[in-house]
Amino acid sequence: MVSEGLLISDGDRWARSRRLLTPAFHFEILKPYVKVYNDCASPFFVNLSSKRESHPYVKAVNELAQLWLERARSPWLHFDSVYYLTTNGRTFIKHCDYVHKVTEDIIDSRKNVLKQEQNMNIDRKRYLDFLDILLSAKDEEGVGLTPLEIRNEADTFLFEGHDTTSSGISWALYSLAEHREYQKLAQKELDSIMKDKNTDSFEWDDLSKMDYLGRCIKEALRLHSPVPFIMRKITKDVEIDGTTFPAGCRFTLHLYNLHHNPHVWEDPMEFNPDRFLPENLKNKDSFAFTPFLLDQGIWFCVCILS
């Protein structure tokens, strides 16, 4: 579904892709997106208050996720030769073809823009985005990503990016709606930041001032864990508490269980943003909080509260 992008690739393939894509997440690349977040705030409000139809891409992705879950629970469908003969299997292929086509159209469109700019010797002033970097990245030997690798990475971020971000935003908003006392404190902080501004838009530098809202979002990610578990295959022997696990073993890391472990977090089922005050974290293990976090979620929460 998302092919071998950063999410599920491993070994040398993962390491190379990670090196090539690292520039896409530099602060200087991310800063201009603040305007995008602000511009999206009003349409987002409209979508929240209406019954607007989901985009066909979103519908296809949601159905793919459901089909994948159903297949995972049915061992007899794990064989491709069996699954793709079923109605669900054929539907899965149809939706995969569609979402891949959407990604390929986006890539082709950007390629044409870059080609036109190059042919016209345009000195590009606009910021490079993720797709620009995918198309232009070169490794140490001057070799770029293949068309399939570019599509795989774009698929990964289109699918996983919108899925985990929307889930994280939803749970953060749910927690703030459920606990109005914390919502009011977050609102007070944002009002204080905005009181001397001549605009109703937030800026990059404002993000560092949102201490309380940041704690609320971290606590929502701890309590609800948009990504409840991750898996890793170890590449060398690992010893844990006197037991040696040989290379090739697969570990399942349950982030939800970690974030709700009473030996790690006191009263783990309670929503309490003050857990993330510096004085309350100083004796915590650095891996006590292991969220799957995307920055967009912070900005959407900011726009809604403001």
C-alpha atoms as a PDB file:
ATOM      1  CA  MET A   1       0.000   0.000   0.000  1.00  0.00           C
ATOM      2  CA  VAL A   2       2.792   2.467   0.922  1.00  0.00           C
ATOM      3  CA  SER A   3       5.494   0.302  -0.689  1.00  0.00           C
ATOM      4  CA  GLU A   4       9.077   0.526   0.541  1.00  0.00           C
ATOM      5  CA  GLY A   5       9.266   4.110   1.697  1.00  0.00           C
ATOM      6  CA  LEU A   6      10.918   5.243   4.925  1.00  0.00           C
ATOM      7  CA  LEU A   7       8.102   3.747   6.985  1.00  0.00           C
ATOM      8  CA  ILE A   8       8.739   0.091   6.150  1.00  0.00           C
ATOM      9  CA  SER A   9      12.098  -0.092   4.352  1.00  0.00           C
ATOM     10  CA  ASP A  10      15.186  -1.305   6.190  1.00  0.00           C
ATOM     11  CA  GLY A  11      18.927  -1.775   5.947  1.00  0.00           C
ATOM     12  CA  ASP A  12      20.939   0.091   3.336  1.00  0.00           C
ATOM     13  CA  ARG A  13      17.795   1.136   1.447  1.00  0.00           C
ATOM     14  CA  TRP A  14      16.422   2.889   4.539  1.00  0.00           C
ATOM     15  CA  ALA A  15      19.773   4.485   5.421  1.00  0.00           C
ATOM     16  CA  ARG A  16      20.219   5.924   1.923  1.00  0.00           C
ATOM     17  CA  SER A  17      16.676   7.286   1.746  1.00  0.00           C
ATOM     18  CA  ARG A  18      17.012   8.756   5.226  1.00  0.00           C
ATOM     19  CA  ARG A  19      20.185  10.622   4.247  1.00  0.00           C
ATOM     20  CA  LEU A  20      18.626  11.950   1.049  1.00  0.00           C
ATOM     21  CA  LEU A  21      15.421  13.108   2.735  1.00  0.00           C
ATOM     22  CA  THR A  22      16.911  14.655   5.880  1.00  0.00           C
ATOM     23  CA  PRO A  23      17.116  18.156   4.271  1.00  0.00           C
ATOM     24  CA  ALA A  24      13.322  18.119   3.824  1.00  0.00           C
ATOM     25  CA  PHE A  25      12.899  18.381   7.587  1.00  0.00           C
ATOM     26  CA  HIS A  26      15.287  21.234   8.273  1.00  0.00           C
ATOM     27  CA  PHE A  27      13.671  24.149  10.096  1.00  0.00           C
ATOM     28  CA  GLU A  28      14.427  26.489   7.204  1.00  0.00           C
ATOM     29  CA  ILE A  29      12.350  24.236   4.932  1.00  0.00           C
ATOM     30  CA  LEU A  30       9.500  23.975   7.435  1.00  0.00           C
ATOM     31  CA  LYS A  31       9.237  27.666   8.341  1.00  0.00           C
ATOM     32  CA  PRO A  32       7.401  28.835   5.176  1.00  0.00           C
ATOM     33  CA  TYR A  33       4.679  26.248   5.818  1.00  0.00           C
ATOM     34  CA  VAL A  34       3.360  28.383   8.669  1.00  0.00           C
ATOM     35  CA  LYS A  35       1.526  30.411   6.029  1.00  0.00           C
ATOM     36  CA  VAL A  36       0.039  27.202   4.635  1.00  0.00           C
ATOM     37  CA  TYR A  37      -1.234  26.234   8.091  1.00  0.00           C
ATOM     38  CA  ASN A  38      -2.784  29.662   8.593  1.00  0.00           C
ATOM     39  CA  ASP A  39      -4.406  29.570   5.148  1.00  0.00           C
ATOM     40  CA  CYS A  40      -5.876  26.136   5.885  1.00  0.00           C
ATOM     41  CA  ALA A  41      -7.442  27.185   9.188  1.00  0.00           C
ATOM     42  CA  SER A  42     -10.642  28.720   7.766  1.00  0.00           C
ATOM     43  CA  PRO A  43     -11.455  25.838   5.382  1.00  0.00           C
ATOM     44  CA  PHE A  44     -10.766  23.491   8.281  1.00  0.00           C
ATOM     45  CA  PHE A  45     -13.409  25.264  10.379  1.00  0.00           C
ATOM     46  CA  VAL A  46     -15.892  24.903   7.518  1.00  0.00           C
ATOM     47  CA  ASN A  47     -15.166  21.194   7.232  1.00  0.00           C
ATOM     48  CA  LEU A  48     -15.699  20.720  10.957  1.00  0.00           C
ATOM     49  CA  SER A  49     -19.125  22.358  10.842  1.00  0.00           C
ATOM     50  CA  SER A  50     -20.418  20.721   7.666  1.00  0.00           C
ATOM     51  CA  LYS A  51     -21.021  17.300   6.190  1.00  0.00           C
ATOM     52  CA  ARG A  52     -18.663  17.831   3.292  1.00  0.00           C
ATOM     53  CA  GLU A  53     -17.877  14.721   1.247  1.00  0.00           C
ATOM     54  CA  SER A  54     -14.412  13.284   1.770  1.00  0.00           C
ATOM     55  CA  HIS A  55     -11.981  13.475  -1.128  1.00  0.00           C
ATOM     56  CA  PRO A  56     -11.888  10.230  -3.171  1.00  0.00           C
ATOM     57  CA  TYR A  57      -8.239   9.818  -2.171  1.00  0.00           C
ATOM     58  CA  VAL A  58      -9.167   9.914   1.531  1.00  0.00           C
ATOM     59  CA  LYS A  59     -12.002   7.434   0.940  1.00  0.00           C
ATOM     60  CA  ALA A  60      -9.664   5.070  -0.898  1.00  0.00           C
ATOM     61  CA  VAL A  61      -6.999   5.274   1.816  1.00  0.00           C
ATOM     62  CA  ASN A  62      -9.554   4.638   4.564  1.00  0.00           C
ATOM     63  CA  GLU A  63     -10.914   1.596   2.766  1.00  0.00           C
ATOM     64  CA  LEU A  64      -7.393   0.311   2.110  1.00  0.00           C
ATOM     65  CA  ALA A  65      -6.639   0.535   5.818  1.00  0.00           C
ATOM     66  CA  GLN A  66      -9.809  -1.382   6.672  1.00  0.00           C
ATOM     67  CA  LEU A  67      -9.086  -4.046   4.063  1.00  0.00           C
ATOM     68  CA  TRP A  68      -5.523  -4.418   5.348  1.00  0.00           C
ATOM     69  CA  LEU A  69      -6.785  -4.855   8.917  1.00  0.00           C
ATOM     70  CA  GLU A  70      -9.312  -7.498   7.874  1.00  0.00           C
ATOM     71  CA  ARG A  71      -6.643  -9.366   5.926  1.00  0.00           C
ATOM     72  CA  ALA A  72      -4.188  -9.237   8.827  1.00  0.00           C
ATOM     73  CA  ARG A  73      -6.769 -10.960  11.017  1.00  0.00           C
ATOM     74  CA  SER A  74      -7.316 -13.760   8.481  1.00  0.00           C
ATOM     75  CA  PRO A  75      -4.196 -15.970   8.146  1.00  0.00           C
ATOM     76  CA  TRP A  76      -5.624 -17.808   5.142  1.00  0.00           C
ATOM     77  CA  LEU A  77      -5.614 -14.504   3.224  1.00  0.00           C
ATOM     78  CA  HIS A  78      -1.933 -13.757   3.861  1.00  0.00           C
ATOM     79  CA  PHE A  79      -1.008 -15.511   0.611  1.00  0.00           C
ATOM     80  CA  ASP A  80      -1.215 -13.083  -2.308  1.00  0.00           C
ATOM     81  CA  SER A  81      -2.241 -15.872  -4.668  1.00  0.00           C
ATOM     82  CA  VAL A  82      -5.348 -16.433  -2.528  1.00  0.00           C
ATOM     83  CA  TYR A  83      -6.138 -12.879  -1.451  1.00  0.00           C
ATOM     84  CA  TYR A  84      -6.102 -11.315  -4.910  1.00  0.00           C
ATOM     85  CA  LEU A  85      -8.704 -13.831  -6.094  1.00  0.00           C
ATOM     86  CA  THR A  86     -11.186 -12.565  -3.509  1.00  0.00           C
ATOM     87  CA  THR A  87     -13.541  -9.601  -3.860  1.00  0.00           C
ATOM     88  CA  ASN A  88     -11.649  -7.726  -1.149  1.00  0.00           C
ATOM     89  CA  GLY A  89      -8.352  -8.479  -2.835  1.00  0.00           C
ATOM     90  CA  ARG A  90      -9.536  -7.078  -6.156  1.00  0.00           C
ATOM     91  CA  THR A  91     -10.903  -3.995  -4.371  1.00  0.00           C
ATOM     92  CA  PHE A  92      -7.556  -3.572  -2.622  1.00  0.00           C
ATOM     93  CA  ILE A  93      -5.694  -3.608  -5.949  1.00  0.00           C
ATOM     94  CA  LYS A  94      -8.167  -1.128  -7.455  1.00  0.00           C
ATOM     95  CA  HIS A  95      -7.690   1.336  -4.598  1.00  0.00           C
ATOM     96  CA  CYS A  96      -3.900   0.872  -4.674  1.00  0.00           C
ATOM     97  CA  ASP A  97      -3.839   1.674  -8.369  1.00  0.00           C
ATOM     98  CA  TYR A  98      -5.908   4.798  -7.732  1.00  0.00           C
ATOM     99  CA  VAL A  99      -3.809   6.208  -4.850  1.00  0.00           C
ATOM    100  CA  HIS A 100      -0.603   5.455  -6.767  1.00  0.00           C
ATOM    101  CA  LYS A 101      -2.039   7.292  -9.767  1.00  0.00           C
ATOM    102  CA  VAL A 102      -2.816  10.332  -7.605  1.00  0.00           C
ATOM    103  CA  THR A 103       0.768  10.344  -6.358  1.00  0.00           C
ATOM    104  CA  GLU A 104       2.188   9.920  -9.856  1.00  0.00           C
ATOM    105  CA  ASP A 105       0.073  12.815 -11.167  1.00  0.00           C
ATOM    106  CA  ILE A 106       1.374  15.073  -8.398  1.00  0.00           C
ATOM    107  CA  ILE A 107       4.969  14.053  -9.153  1.00  0.00           C
ATOM    108  CA  ASP A 108       4.539  14.563 -12.915  1.00  0.00           C
ATOM    109  CA  SER A 109       2.987  17.982 -12.345  1.00  0.00           C
ATOM    110  CA  ARG A 110       5.913  19.096 -10.202  1.00  0.00           C
ATOM    111  CA  LYS A 111       8.421  17.698 -12.701  1.00  0.00           C
ATOM    112  CA  ASN A 112       6.833  19.836 -15.411  1.00  0.00           C
ATOM    113  CA  VAL A 113       7.036  22.934 -13.215  1.00  0.00           C
ATOM    114  CA  LEU A 114      10.713  22.318 -12.458  1.00  0.00           C
ATOM    115  CA  LYS A 115      11.447  21.673 -16.133  1.00  0.00           C
ATOM    116  CA  GLN A 116       9.721  24.907 -17.189  1.00  0.00           C
ATOM    117  CA  GLU A 117      11.647  26.880 -14.582  1.00  0.00           C
ATOM    118  CA  GLN A 118      14.889  25.354 -15.775  1.00  0.00           C
ATOM    119  CA  ASN A 119      14.152  26.022 -19.459  1.00  0.00           C
ATOM    120  CA  MET A 120      13.252  29.635 -18.717  1.00  0.00           C
ATOM    121  CA  ASN A 121      16.301  30.111 -16.443  1.00  0.00           C
ATOM    122  CA  ILE A 122      14.035  31.218 -13.619  1.00  0.00           C
ATOM    123  CA  ASP A 123      15.878  32.086 -10.423  1.00  0.00           C
ATOM    124  CA  ARG A 124      13.658  30.230  -7.991  1.00  0.00           C
ATOM    125  CA  LYS A 125      12.709  32.275  -4.971  1.00  0.00           C
ATOM    126  CA  ARG A 126      10.077  29.952  -3.614  1.00  0.00           C
ATOM    127  CA  TYR A 127      11.077  27.487  -0.922  1.00  0.00           C
ATOM    128  CA  LEU A 128      11.905  23.884  -1.732  1.00  0.00           C
ATOM    129  CA  ASP A 129       9.267  21.494  -0.485  1.00  0.00           C
ATOM    130  CA  PHE A 130       9.372  17.779   0.198  1.00  0.00           C
ATOM    131  CA  LEU A 131       8.653  16.809  -3.402  1.00  0.00           C
ATOM    132  CA  ASP A 132      11.323  19.162  -4.771  1.00  0.00           C
ATOM    133  CA  ILE A 133      13.873  17.479  -2.542  1.00  0.00           C
ATOM    134  CA  LEU A 134      12.722  14.012  -3.613  1.00  0.00           C
ATOM    135  CA  LEU A 135      13.189  14.956  -7.259  1.00  0.00           C
ATOM    136  CA  SER A 136      16.560  16.649  -6.849  1.00  0.00           C
ATOM    137  CA  ALA A 137      18.285  14.600  -4.110  1.00  0.00           C
ATOM    138  CA  LYS A 138      21.569  12.887  -5.000  1.00  0.00           C
ATOM    139  CA  ASP A 139      23.618  10.469  -2.930  1.00  0.00           C
ATOM    140  CA  GLU A 140      27.406  10.504  -2.451  1.00  0.00           C
ATOM    141  CA  GLU A 141      27.870   8.989  -5.908  1.00  0.00           C
ATOM    142  CA  GLY A 142      25.610  11.517  -7.593  1.00  0.00           C
ATOM    143  CA  VAL A 143      22.759   9.028  -8.044  1.00  0.00           C
ATOM    144  CA  GLY A 144      19.233  10.210  -7.358  1.00  0.00           C
ATOM    145  CA  LEU A 145      16.102   8.323  -6.403  1.00  0.00           C
ATOM    146  CA  THR A 146      14.468   6.181  -9.072  1.00  0.00           C
ATOM    147  CA  PRO A 147      10.908   7.024 -10.202  1.00  0.00           C
ATOM    148  CA  LEU A 148       9.618   4.111  -8.119  1.00  0.00           C
ATOM    149  CA  GLU A 149      11.554   5.243  -5.029  1.00  0.00           C
ATOM    150  CA  ILE A 150      10.193   8.767  -5.450  1.00  0.00           C
ATOM    151  CA  ARG A 151       6.641   7.444  -5.683  1.00  0.00           C
ATOM    152  CA  ASN A 152       7.185   5.162  -2.685  1.00  0.00           C
ATOM    153  CA  GLU A 153       8.343   8.056  -0.503  1.00  0.00           C
ATOM    154  CA  ALA A 154       5.579  10.366  -1.726  1.00  0.00           C
ATOM    155  CA  ASP A 155       3.012   7.612  -1.098  1.00  0.00           C
ATOM    156  CA  THR A 156       4.346   7.129   2.420  1.00  0.00           C
ATOM    157  CA  PHE A 157       4.057  10.779   3.369  1.00  0.00           C
ATOM    158  CA  LEU A 158       0.710  11.309   1.647  1.00  0.00           C
ATOM    159  CA  PHE A 159      -0.815   8.267   3.317  1.00  0.00           C
ATOM    160  CA  GLU A 160       0.895   8.121   6.721  1.00  0.00           C
ATOM    161  CA  GLY A 161       1.257  11.887   6.999  1.00  0.00           C
ATOM    162  CA  HIS A 162      -2.427  12.692   6.670  1.00  0.00           C
ATOM    163  CA  ASP A 163      -3.511   9.615   8.658  1.00  0.00           C
ATOM    164  CA  THR A 164      -1.361  10.082  11.753  1.00  0.00           C
ATOM    165  CA  THR A 165      -1.655  13.857  11.739  1.00  0.00           C
ATOM    166  CA  SER A 166      -5.449  13.804  11.539  1.00  0.00           C
ATOM    167  CA  SER A 167      -5.589  11.199  14.304  1.00  0.00           C
ATOM    168  CA  GLY A 168      -3.249  13.205  16.534  1.00  0.00           C
ATOM    169  CA  ILE A 169      -5.196  16.421  15.932  1.00  0.00           C
ATOM    170  CA  SER A 170      -8.511  14.693  16.644  1.00  0.00           C
ATOM    171  CA  TRP A 171      -7.361  13.245  19.953  1.00  0.00           C
ATOM    172  CA  ALA A 172      -5.757  16.520  21.056  1.00  0.00           C
ATOM    173  CA  LEU A 173      -8.995  18.388  20.327  1.00  0.00           C
ATOM    174  CA  TYR A 174     -11.000  15.670  22.054  1.00  0.00           C
ATOM    175  CA  SER A 175      -8.854  15.953  25.189  1.00  0.00           C
ATOM    176  CA  LEU A 176      -9.131  19.737  25.266  1.00  0.00           C
ATOM    177  CA  ALA A 177     -12.907  19.562  24.725  1.00  0.00           C
ATOM    178  CA  GLU A 178     -13.203  16.975  27.495  1.00  0.00           C
ATOM    179  CA  HIS A 179     -11.183  19.070  29.943  1.00  0.00           C
ATOM    180  CA  ARG A 180     -12.402  22.640  29.601  1.00  0.00           C
ATOM    181  CA  GLU A 181     -10.195  23.886  32.435  1.00  0.00           C
ATOM    182  CA  TYR A 182      -7.093  23.011  30.406  1.00  0.00           C
ATOM    183  CA  GLN A 183      -8.641  24.372  27.225  1.00  0.00           C
ATOM    184  CA  LYS A 184      -9.149  27.743  28.927  1.00  0.00           C
ATOM    185  CA  LEU A 185      -5.516  27.847  30.035  1.00  0.00           C
ATOM    186  CA  ALA A 186      -4.338  27.048  26.509  1.00  0.00           C
ATOM    187  CA  GLN A 187      -6.669  29.730  25.133  1.00  0.00           C
ATOM    188  CA  LYS A 188      -5.310  32.261  27.642  1.00  0.00           C
ATOM    189  CA  GLU A 189      -1.759  31.517  26.499  1.00  0.00           C
ATOM    190  CA  LEU A 190      -2.648  32.017  22.826  1.00  0.00           C
ATOM    191  CA  ASP A 191      -4.552  35.226  23.574  1.00  0.00           C
ATOM    192  CA  SER A 192      -1.479  36.546  25.373  1.00  0.00           C
ATOM    193  CA  ILE A 193       0.718  35.774  22.357  1.00  0.00           C
ATOM    194  CA  MET A 194      -1.689  37.476  19.955  1.00  0.00           C
ATOM    195  CA  LYS A 195      -2.689  40.541  21.985  1.00  0.00           C
ATOM    196  CA  ASP A 196      -0.069  42.901  20.552  1.00  0.00           C
ATOM    197  CA  LYS A 197      -0.220  41.655  16.964  1.00  0.00           C
ATOM    198  CA  ASN A 198      -1.758  43.505  14.035  1.00  0.00           C
ATOM    199  CA  THR A 199      -2.689  40.250  12.331  1.00  0.00           C
ATOM    200  CA  ASP A 200      -4.777  37.222  13.171  1.00  0.00           C
ATOM    201  CA  SER A 201      -2.127  34.832  11.838  1.00  0.00           C
ATOM    202  CA  PHE A 202       0.543  33.087  13.852  1.00  0.00           C
ATOM    203  CA  GLU A 203       4.212  33.175  12.952  1.00  0.00           C
ATOM    204  CA  TRP A 204       7.041  30.656  13.253  1.00  0.00           C
ATOM    205  CA  ASP A 205       8.579  32.370  16.291  1.00  0.00           C
ATOM    206  CA  ASP A 206       5.263  32.124  18.135  1.00  0.00           C
ATOM    207  CA  LEU A 207       5.603  28.358  18.327  1.00  0.00           C
ATOM    208  CA  SER A 208       8.332  28.508  20.963  1.00  0.00           C
ATOM    209  CA  LYS A 209       6.044  30.603  23.185  1.00  0.00           C
ATOM    210  CA  MET A 210       3.278  27.988  23.313  1.00  0.00           C
ATOM    211  CA  ASP A 211       4.538  26.124  26.359  1.00  0.00           C
ATOM    212  CA  TYR A 212       1.163  25.182  27.795  1.00  0.00           C
ATOM    213  CA  LEU A 213      -0.431  24.179  24.496  1.00  0.00           C
ATOM    214  CA  GLY A 214       2.651  22.091  23.762  1.00  0.00           C
ATOM    215  CA  ARG A 215       2.206  20.254  27.064  1.00  0.00           C
ATOM    216  CA  CYS A 216      -1.477  19.645  26.266  1.00  0.00           C
ATOM    217  CA  ILE A 217      -0.600  18.135  22.888  1.00  0.00           C
ATOM    218  CA  LYS A 218       2.133  15.946  24.368  1.00  0.00           C
ATOM    219  CA  GLU A 219      -0.267  14.684  27.016  1.00  0.00           C
ATOM    220  CA  ALA A 220      -2.902  13.938  24.361  1.00  0.00           C
ATOM    221  CA  LEU A 221      -0.306  11.955  22.388  1.00  0.00           C
ATOM    222  CA  ARG A 222       0.704  10.077  25.537  1.00  0.00           C
ATOM    223  CA  LEU A 223      -2.850   9.277  26.573  1.00  0.00           C
ATOM    224  CA  HIS A 224      -4.193   8.297  23.149  1.00  0.00           C
ATOM    225  CA  SER A 225      -1.102   7.177  21.158  1.00  0.00           C
ATOM    226  CA  PRO A 226      -2.161   7.700  17.501  1.00  0.00           C
ATOM    227  CA  VAL A 227       0.391   5.009  16.607  1.00  0.00           C
ATOM    228  CA  PRO A 228      -0.123   2.401  19.358  1.00  0.00           C
ATOM    229  CA  PHE A 229       2.803   0.120  18.488  1.00  0.00           C
ATOM    230  CA  ILE A 230       5.791  -0.212  16.190  1.00  0.00           C
ATOM    231  CA  MET A 231       7.839  -3.244  15.141  1.00  0.00           C
ATOM    232  CA  ARG A 232      11.568  -3.698  14.650  1.00  0.00           C
ATOM    233  CA  LYS A 233      13.707  -6.558  13.344  1.00  0.00           C
ATOM    234  CA  ILE A 234      17.056  -6.611  15.137  1.00  0.00           C
ATOM    235  CA  THR A 235      20.154  -6.925  12.972  1.00  0.00           C
ATOM    236  CA  LYS A 236      22.510  -8.109  15.729  1.00  0.00           C
ATOM    237  CA  ASP A 237      22.270 -10.038  18.988  1.00  0.00           C
ATOM    238  CA  VAL A 238      20.697  -8.012  21.794  1.00  0.00           C
ATOM    239  CA  GLU A 239      20.918  -8.802  25.517  1.00  0.00           C
ATOM    240  CA  ILE A 240      18.087  -7.694  27.803  1.00  0.00           C
ATOM    241  CA  ASP A 241      18.119  -8.548  31.511  1.00  0.00           C
ATOM    242  CA  GLY A 242      20.453 -11.488  30.962  1.00  0.00           C
ATOM    243  CA  THR A 243      18.558 -12.949  28.003  1.00  0.00           C
ATOM    244  CA  THR A 244      20.176 -12.823  24.582  1.00  0.00           C
ATOM    245  CA  PHE A 245      17.933 -12.375  21.559  1.00  0.00           C
ATOM    246  CA  PRO A 246      19.621 -13.432  18.303  1.00  0.00           C
ATOM    247  CA  ALA A 247      19.749 -11.276  15.188  1.00  0.00           C
ATOM    248  CA  GLY A 248      16.630 -11.678  13.108  1.00  0.00           C
ATOM    249  CA  CYS A 249      14.181 -11.575  16.014  1.00  0.00           C
ATOM    250  CA  ARG A 250      11.251  -9.211  15.667  1.00  0.00           C
ATOM    251  CA  PHE A 251      10.329  -6.931  18.551  1.00  0.00           C
ATOM    252  CA  THR A 252       6.940  -5.316  18.982  1.00  0.00           C
ATOM    253  CA  LEU A 253       7.187  -2.074  20.938  1.00  0.00           C
ATOM    254  CA  HIS A 254       3.825  -1.197  22.471  1.00  0.00           C
ATOM    255  CA  LEU A 255       3.833   2.577  22.818  1.00  0.00           C
ATOM    256  CA  TYR A 256       0.300   2.599  24.224  1.00  0.00           C
ATOM    257  CA  ASN A 257       1.330   0.204  27.005  1.00  0.00           C
ATOM    258  CA  LEU A 258       4.450   2.248  27.718  1.00  0.00           C
ATOM    259  CA  HIS A 259       2.431   5.458  27.985  1.00  0.00           C
ATOM    260  CA  HIS A 260      -0.100   3.794  30.311  1.00  0.00           C
ATOM    261  CA  ASN A 261       2.363   1.899  32.493  1.00  0.00           C
ATOM    262  CA  PRO A 262       1.796   2.966  36.132  1.00  0.00           C
ATOM    263  CA  HIS A 263       5.464   2.242  36.873  1.00  0.00           C
ATOM    264  CA  VAL A 264       6.405   4.890  34.317  1.00  0.00           C
ATOM    265  CA  TRP A 265       3.532   7.376  34.589  1.00  0.00           C
ATOM    266  CA  GLU A 266       1.569   8.087  37.772  1.00  0.00           C
ATOM    267  CA  ASP A 267      -2.227   7.890  37.288  1.00  0.00           C
ATOM    268  CA  PRO A 268      -1.686   7.034  33.608  1.00  0.00           C
ATOM    269  CA  MET A 269      -5.368   7.205  32.606  1.00  0.00           C
ATOM    270  CA  GLU A 270      -5.674  10.822  33.742  1.00  0.00           C
ATOM    271  CA  PHE A 271      -5.165  13.764  31.371  1.00  0.00           C
ATOM    272  CA  ASN A 272      -2.630  16.024  33.067  1.00  0.00           C
ATOM    273  CA  PRO A 273      -0.516  18.394  30.918  1.00  0.00           C
ATOM    274  CA  ASP A 274       1.657  19.296  33.914  1.00  0.00           C
ATOM    275  CA  ARG A 275       3.340  15.904  33.607  1.00  0.00           C
ATOM    276  CA  PHE A 276       5.459  17.615  30.982  1.00  0.00           C
ATOM    277  CA  LEU A 277       6.699  20.464  33.136  1.00  0.00           C
ATOM    278  CA  PRO A 278      10.523  20.415  33.155  1.00  0.00           C
ATOM    279  CA  GLU A 279      10.674  19.677  36.871  1.00  0.00           C
ATOM    280  CA  ASN A 280       8.407  16.643  36.430  1.00  0.00           C
ATOM    281  CA  LEU A 281      10.503  15.230  33.585  1.00  0.00           C
ATOM    282  CA  LYS A 282      13.976  15.639  35.019  1.00  0.00           C
ATOM    283  CA  ASN A 283      14.047  12.111  36.483  1.00  0.00           C
ATOM    284  CA  LYS A 284      12.188  10.452  33.596  1.00  0.00           C
ATOM    285  CA  ASP A 285      13.904   8.067  31.228  1.00  0.00           C
ATOM    286  CA  SER A 286      14.342   9.709  27.830  1.00  0.00           C
ATOM    287  CA  PHE A 287      12.240   6.928  26.257  1.00  0.00           C
ATOM    288  CA  ALA A 288       9.349   7.164  28.732  1.00  0.00           C
ATOM    289  CA  PHE A 289       7.515   9.316  26.188  1.00  0.00           C
ATOM    290  CA  THR A 290       7.757   7.947  22.649  1.00  0.00           C
ATOM    291  CA  PRO A 291       5.073   9.570  20.503  1.00  0.00           C
ATOM    292  CA  PHE A 292       4.609   9.493  16.778  1.00  0.00           C
ATOM    293  CA  LEU A 293       4.536  13.252  16.342  1.00  0.00           C
ATOM    294  CA  LEU A 294       4.020  15.474  13.328  1.00  0.00           C
ATOM    295  CA  ASP A 295       4.368  19.252  13.698  1.00  0.00           C
ATOM    296  CA  GLN A 296       1.259  20.034  11.658  1.00  0.00           C
ATOM    297  CA  GLY A 297      -0.923  18.900  14.557  1.00  0.00           C
ATOM    298  CA  ILE A 298       0.327  21.720  16.761  1.00  0.00           C
ATOM    299  CA  TRP A 299      -0.590  24.367  14.216  1.00  0.00           C
ATOM    300  CA  PHE A 300      -4.068  23.055  13.573  1.00  0.00           C
ATOM    301  CA  CYS A 301      -4.771  23.047  17.323  1.00  0.00           C
ATOM    302  CA  VAL A 302      -3.428  26.594  17.518  1.00  0.00           C
ATOM    303  CA  CYS A 303      -5.704  27.751  14.680  1.00  0.00           C
ATOM    304  CA  ILE A 304      -8.795  26.147  16.219  1.00  0.00           C
ATOM    305  CA  LEU A 305      -8.250  27.531  19.709  1.00  0.00           C
ATOM    306  CA  SER A 306      -7.564  30.998  18.353  1.00  0.00           C
END
